[in-house]
């Protein structure tokens, strides 16, 4: 009975931590967002957001939070990188969340040839603008998520989205980025950000998203600085 009570209290504390973190993320500035999420709460919150919103990039960013003074230091570095990305590619959707960055490149920024995973010339030009920023901020991990609209068979779209995410990674590697810092996922028709009932909405859903988070080296350096 005593063990059950202790477990219940622990669970309530964890839920309270998550809810507090939600309010922190909503109301705090970027540096405070990095401070306000603990390891356990951040990981759980990342899972909740990743599942409920259907946005794996957002879930990956929040789930990677370490919190405390270390998180504040990482948050400052991510603030800078987010500004650099916005300046390099003004049309990109850049969101600072927790201790990382969610970057959304819609079809107007990264376009593929119809029903293929080959990048258009314009897509390469836009990715080229991001390369210097990614190189300067080498102590980050980059998760790449590919998406399609609802047109066509679900299995085909899943395969196509995976190939397109791999293509983006391959192009960035060809420009000098380390392959080991990048992971890819193809999510097909999942996680629409607009209605699939209109041409404009389907165009927005055909996109690539990036989750940019601190790697182990950045985290360790931030831990030392926090002490």
Protein backbone atom coordinates (compact mmCIF):
# COMPACT_ATOMS: atom_id res chain seq x y z
CA UNK A 1 0.00 0.00 0.00
CA UNK A 2 2.82 2.36 0.90
CA UNK A 3 4.60 1.58 -2.38
CA UNK A 4 1.42 2.31 -4.31
CA UNK A 5 1.05 5.65 -2.57
CA UNK A 6 4.65 6.61 -3.33
CA UNK A 7 4.22 5.61 -6.97
CA UNK A 8 1.02 7.63 -7.25
CA UNK A 9 2.70 10.69 -5.78
CA UNK A 10 5.63 10.29 -8.18
CA UNK A 11 3.26 10.05 -11.12
CA UNK A 12 1.35 13.13 -10.01
CA UNK A 13 4.62 15.04 -9.65
CA UNK A 14 5.70 14.05 -13.15
CA UNK A 15 2.37 15.08 -14.67
CA UNK A 16 2.56 18.39 -12.81
CA UNK A 17 6.07 18.90 -14.15
CA UNK A 18 4.86 18.31 -17.69
CA UNK A 19 1.94 20.71 -17.33
CA UNK A 20 4.26 23.33 -15.86
CA UNK A 21 6.61 22.82 -18.78
CA UNK A 22 3.73 23.33 -21.22
CA UNK A 23 2.95 26.70 -19.65
CA UNK A 24 6.65 27.55 -19.56
CA UNK A 25 7.02 26.88 -23.26
CA UNK A 26 3.96 28.95 -24.06
CA UNK A 27 4.77 31.99 -21.96
CA UNK A 28 8.55 32.15 -21.53
CA UNK A 29 11.16 33.73 -23.73
CA UNK A 30 13.49 31.45 -25.69
CA UNK A 31 16.22 31.19 -23.06
CA UNK A 32 13.68 30.48 -20.33
CA UNK A 33 12.18 27.76 -22.51
CA UNK A 34 15.53 26.01 -22.42
CA UNK A 35 15.69 26.29 -18.64
CA UNK A 36 12.16 25.23 -17.81
CA UNK A 37 12.12 21.65 -19.09
CA UNK A 38 13.76 18.86 -17.12
CA UNK A 39 15.05 15.64 -18.64
CA UNK A 40 12.15 13.38 -17.67
CA UNK A 41 9.44 15.96 -18.21
CA UNK A 42 11.00 17.04 -21.49
CA UNK A 43 11.15 13.51 -22.82
CA UNK A 44 7.56 12.77 -21.79
CA UNK A 45 6.33 16.10 -23.11
CA UNK A 46 8.11 15.43 -26.38
CA UNK A 47 6.30 12.13 -26.70
CA UNK A 48 2.93 13.70 -25.89
CA UNK A 49 3.39 16.55 -28.34
CA UNK A 50 4.83 14.27 -30.99
CA UNK A 51 1.80 12.00 -30.75
CA UNK A 52 -0.98 14.50 -30.18
CA UNK A 53 0.11 17.10 -32.69
CA UNK A 54 1.39 14.46 -35.08
CA UNK A 55 4.53 16.51 -35.54
CA UNK A 56 7.61 14.34 -35.13
CA UNK A 57 10.04 17.25 -35.59
CA UNK A 58 8.42 19.14 -32.73
CA UNK A 59 8.39 16.03 -30.56
CA UNK A 60 12.06 15.36 -31.30
CA UNK A 61 13.04 18.91 -30.35
CA UNK A 62 11.20 18.95 -27.03
CA UNK A 63 12.15 15.39 -26.20
CA UNK A 64 15.84 16.29 -26.44
CA UNK A 65 15.64 18.92 -23.68
CA UNK A 66 18.03 18.65 -20.73
CA UNK A 67 16.75 21.62 -18.72
CA UNK A 68 18.32 23.71 -15.97
CA UNK A 69 21.22 26.08 -16.49
CA UNK A 70 22.55 23.76 -19.18
CA UNK A 71 19.32 24.17 -21.11
CA UNK A 72 19.50 27.96 -20.82
CA UNK A 73 22.97 28.01 -22.36
CA UNK A 74 21.90 25.71 -25.18
CA UNK A 75 18.82 27.88 -25.68
CA UNK A 76 20.99 30.96 -26.21
CA UNK A 77 22.97 29.16 -28.90
CA UNK A 78 19.78 28.01 -30.60
CA UNK A 79 18.42 31.56 -30.54
CA UNK A 80 21.42 32.65 -32.57
CA UNK A 81 21.14 29.77 -35.04
CA UNK A 82 17.42 30.39 -35.53
CA UNK A 83 18.15 34.02 -36.45
CA UNK A 84 20.84 32.89 -38.87
CA UNK A 85 18.45 30.48 -40.59
CA UNK A 86 15.74 33.14 -40.89
CA UNK A 87 18.21 35.56 -42.41
CA UNK A 88 19.65 32.98 -44.81
CA UNK A 89 16.26 31.73 -46.01
CA UNK A 90 13.52 34.29 -45.22
CA UNK A 91 10.73 32.10 -46.59
CA UNK A 92 11.43 29.27 -44.17
CA UNK A 93 9.23 28.61 -41.14
CA UNK A 94 11.59 28.73 -38.17
CA UNK A 95 10.30 27.89 -34.69
CA UNK A 96 12.38 28.07 -31.52
CA UNK A 97 11.01 25.46 -29.16
CA UNK A 98 12.57 24.40 -25.86
CA UNK A 99 16.27 23.89 -26.50
CA UNK A 100 16.05 23.34 -30.23
CA UNK A 101 14.69 24.49 -33.55
CA UNK A 102 11.90 23.19 -35.75
CA UNK A 103 12.49 24.20 -39.36
CA UNK A 104 9.74 23.67 -41.94
CA UNK A 105 10.55 23.92 -45.64
CA UNK A 106 7.36 23.85 -47.67
CA UNK A 107 7.14 23.07 -51.35
CA UNK A 108 7.92 26.65 -52.34
CA UNK A 109 11.29 26.28 -50.58
CA UNK A 110 12.21 22.65 -51.30
CA UNK A 111 10.45 21.27 -54.36
CA UNK A 112 10.93 17.84 -55.87
CA UNK A 113 10.20 16.70 -59.39
CA UNK A 114 6.71 15.22 -59.71
CA UNK A 115 6.46 11.75 -58.14
CA UNK A 116 10.24 11.65 -57.79
CA UNK A 117 12.77 12.21 -55.06
CA UNK A 118 15.10 14.37 -57.18
CA UNK A 119 15.58 17.96 -56.08
CA UNK A 120 14.79 20.82 -58.42
CA UNK A 121 17.41 23.49 -59.13
CA UNK A 122 15.53 25.95 -56.92
CA UNK A 123 15.45 23.47 -54.05
CA UNK A 124 19.21 23.03 -54.28
CA UNK A 125 19.67 26.80 -54.27
CA UNK A 126 17.63 27.12 -51.08
CA UNK A 127 19.44 24.27 -49.35
CA UNK A 128 22.74 25.89 -50.34
CA UNK A 129 21.72 28.91 -48.28
CA UNK A 130 21.36 26.74 -45.19
CA UNK A 131 24.68 24.91 -45.57
CA UNK A 132 26.89 27.73 -44.13
CA UNK A 133 24.60 28.02 -41.10
CA UNK A 134 24.67 24.28 -40.46
CA UNK A 135 28.45 24.23 -40.87
CA UNK A 136 28.96 27.11 -38.45
CA UNK A 137 26.75 25.37 -35.91
CA UNK A 138 28.42 21.99 -36.23
CA UNK A 139 27.63 20.89 -32.66
CA UNK A 140 24.01 20.10 -33.49
CA UNK A 141 22.10 17.04 -34.61
CA UNK A 142 19.70 17.36 -37.54
CA UNK A 143 16.70 15.06 -37.93
CA UNK A 144 15.05 15.31 -41.36
CA UNK A 145 11.39 14.35 -41.85
CA UNK A 146 9.78 13.98 -45.27
CA UNK A 147 6.04 14.40 -45.87
CA UNK A 148 3.61 14.13 -48.79
CA UNK A 149 0.00 15.13 -49.37
CA UNK A 150 -2.84 12.62 -49.31
CA UNK A 151 -2.89 12.08 -53.08
CA UNK A 152 -2.00 8.52 -54.13
CA UNK A 153 -1.52 5.28 -52.23
CA UNK A 154 -0.40 5.55 -48.61
CA UNK A 155 2.40 2.98 -49.00
CA UNK A 156 3.75 4.75 -52.08
CA UNK A 157 3.69 8.11 -50.31
CA UNK A 158 5.49 6.66 -47.30
CA UNK A 159 8.26 5.32 -49.53
CA UNK A 160 8.46 8.57 -51.51
CA UNK A 161 8.66 10.71 -48.37
CA UNK A 162 11.47 8.52 -47.03
CA UNK A 163 13.39 8.80 -50.29
CA UNK A 164 12.95 12.57 -50.34
CA UNK A 165 14.27 12.94 -46.80
CA UNK A 166 17.25 10.81 -47.80
CA UNK A 167 17.79 12.98 -50.87
CA UNK A 168 17.94 16.12 -48.73
CA UNK A 169 20.43 14.47 -46.41
CA UNK A 170 22.52 13.24 -49.34
CA UNK A 171 22.62 16.72 -50.84
CA UNK A 172 23.72 18.30 -47.56
CA UNK A 173 26.41 15.64 -47.18
CA UNK A 174 27.61 16.41 -50.71
CA UNK A 175 28.05 20.02 -49.56
CA UNK A 176 30.32 19.02 -46.68
CA UNK A 177 28.01 18.30 -43.74
CA UNK A 178 28.82 15.21 -41.67
CA UNK A 179 26.44 12.36 -42.42
CA UNK A 180 26.64 11.16 -38.81
CA UNK A 181 24.86 14.22 -37.45
CA UNK A 182 21.76 13.62 -39.59
CA UNK A 183 18.92 11.09 -39.38
CA UNK A 184 16.02 10.76 -41.80
CA UNK A 185 12.42 9.62 -41.53
CA UNK A 186 9.64 9.39 -44.09
CA UNK A 187 6.18 9.95 -42.65
CA UNK A 188 4.13 10.05 -45.84
CA UNK A 189 0.64 11.49 -45.45
CA UNK A 190 0.86 11.77 -41.65
CA UNK A 191 0.87 15.05 -39.75
CA UNK A 192 -0.81 17.39 -42.31
CA UNK A 193 -0.28 21.07 -41.52
CA UNK A 194 -3.06 22.18 -43.90
CA UNK A 195 -6.21 20.80 -45.47
CA UNK A 196 -5.73 18.15 -48.14
CA UNK A 197 -9.00 19.29 -49.73
CA UNK A 198 -7.40 22.18 -51.62
CA UNK A 199 -4.44 22.54 -53.97
CA UNK A 200 -2.88 25.13 -51.66
CA UNK A 201 -3.25 22.89 -48.63
CA UNK A 202 -1.80 19.86 -50.40
CA UNK A 203 1.14 21.98 -51.52
CA UNK A 204 1.87 22.95 -47.91
CA UNK A 205 1.71 19.32 -46.80
CA UNK A 206 4.37 18.34 -49.34
CA UNK A 207 7.24 19.48 -47.18
CA UNK A 208 10.47 18.66 -45.35
CA UNK A 209 10.93 19.39 -41.66
CA UNK A 210 14.12 19.57 -39.59
CA UNK A 211 14.54 19.05 -35.86
CA UNK A 212 17.78 20.73 -34.80
CA UNK A 213 19.05 19.81 -31.34
CA UNK A 214 22.26 19.95 -29.33
CA UNK A 215 24.67 17.08 -29.84
CA UNK A 216 26.61 15.47 -27.00
CA UNK A 217 29.56 17.86 -27.31
CA UNK A 218 27.41 20.97 -27.09
CA UNK A 219 25.54 19.51 -24.13
CA UNK A 220 28.74 18.64 -22.26
CA UNK A 221 30.23 22.09 -22.91
CA UNK A 222 27.02 23.72 -21.69
CA UNK A 223 27.09 21.56 -18.54
CA UNK A 224 30.62 22.73 -17.77
CA UNK A 225 29.71 26.35 -18.42
CA UNK A 226 26.62 26.05 -16.19
CA UNK A 227 28.80 24.93 -13.27
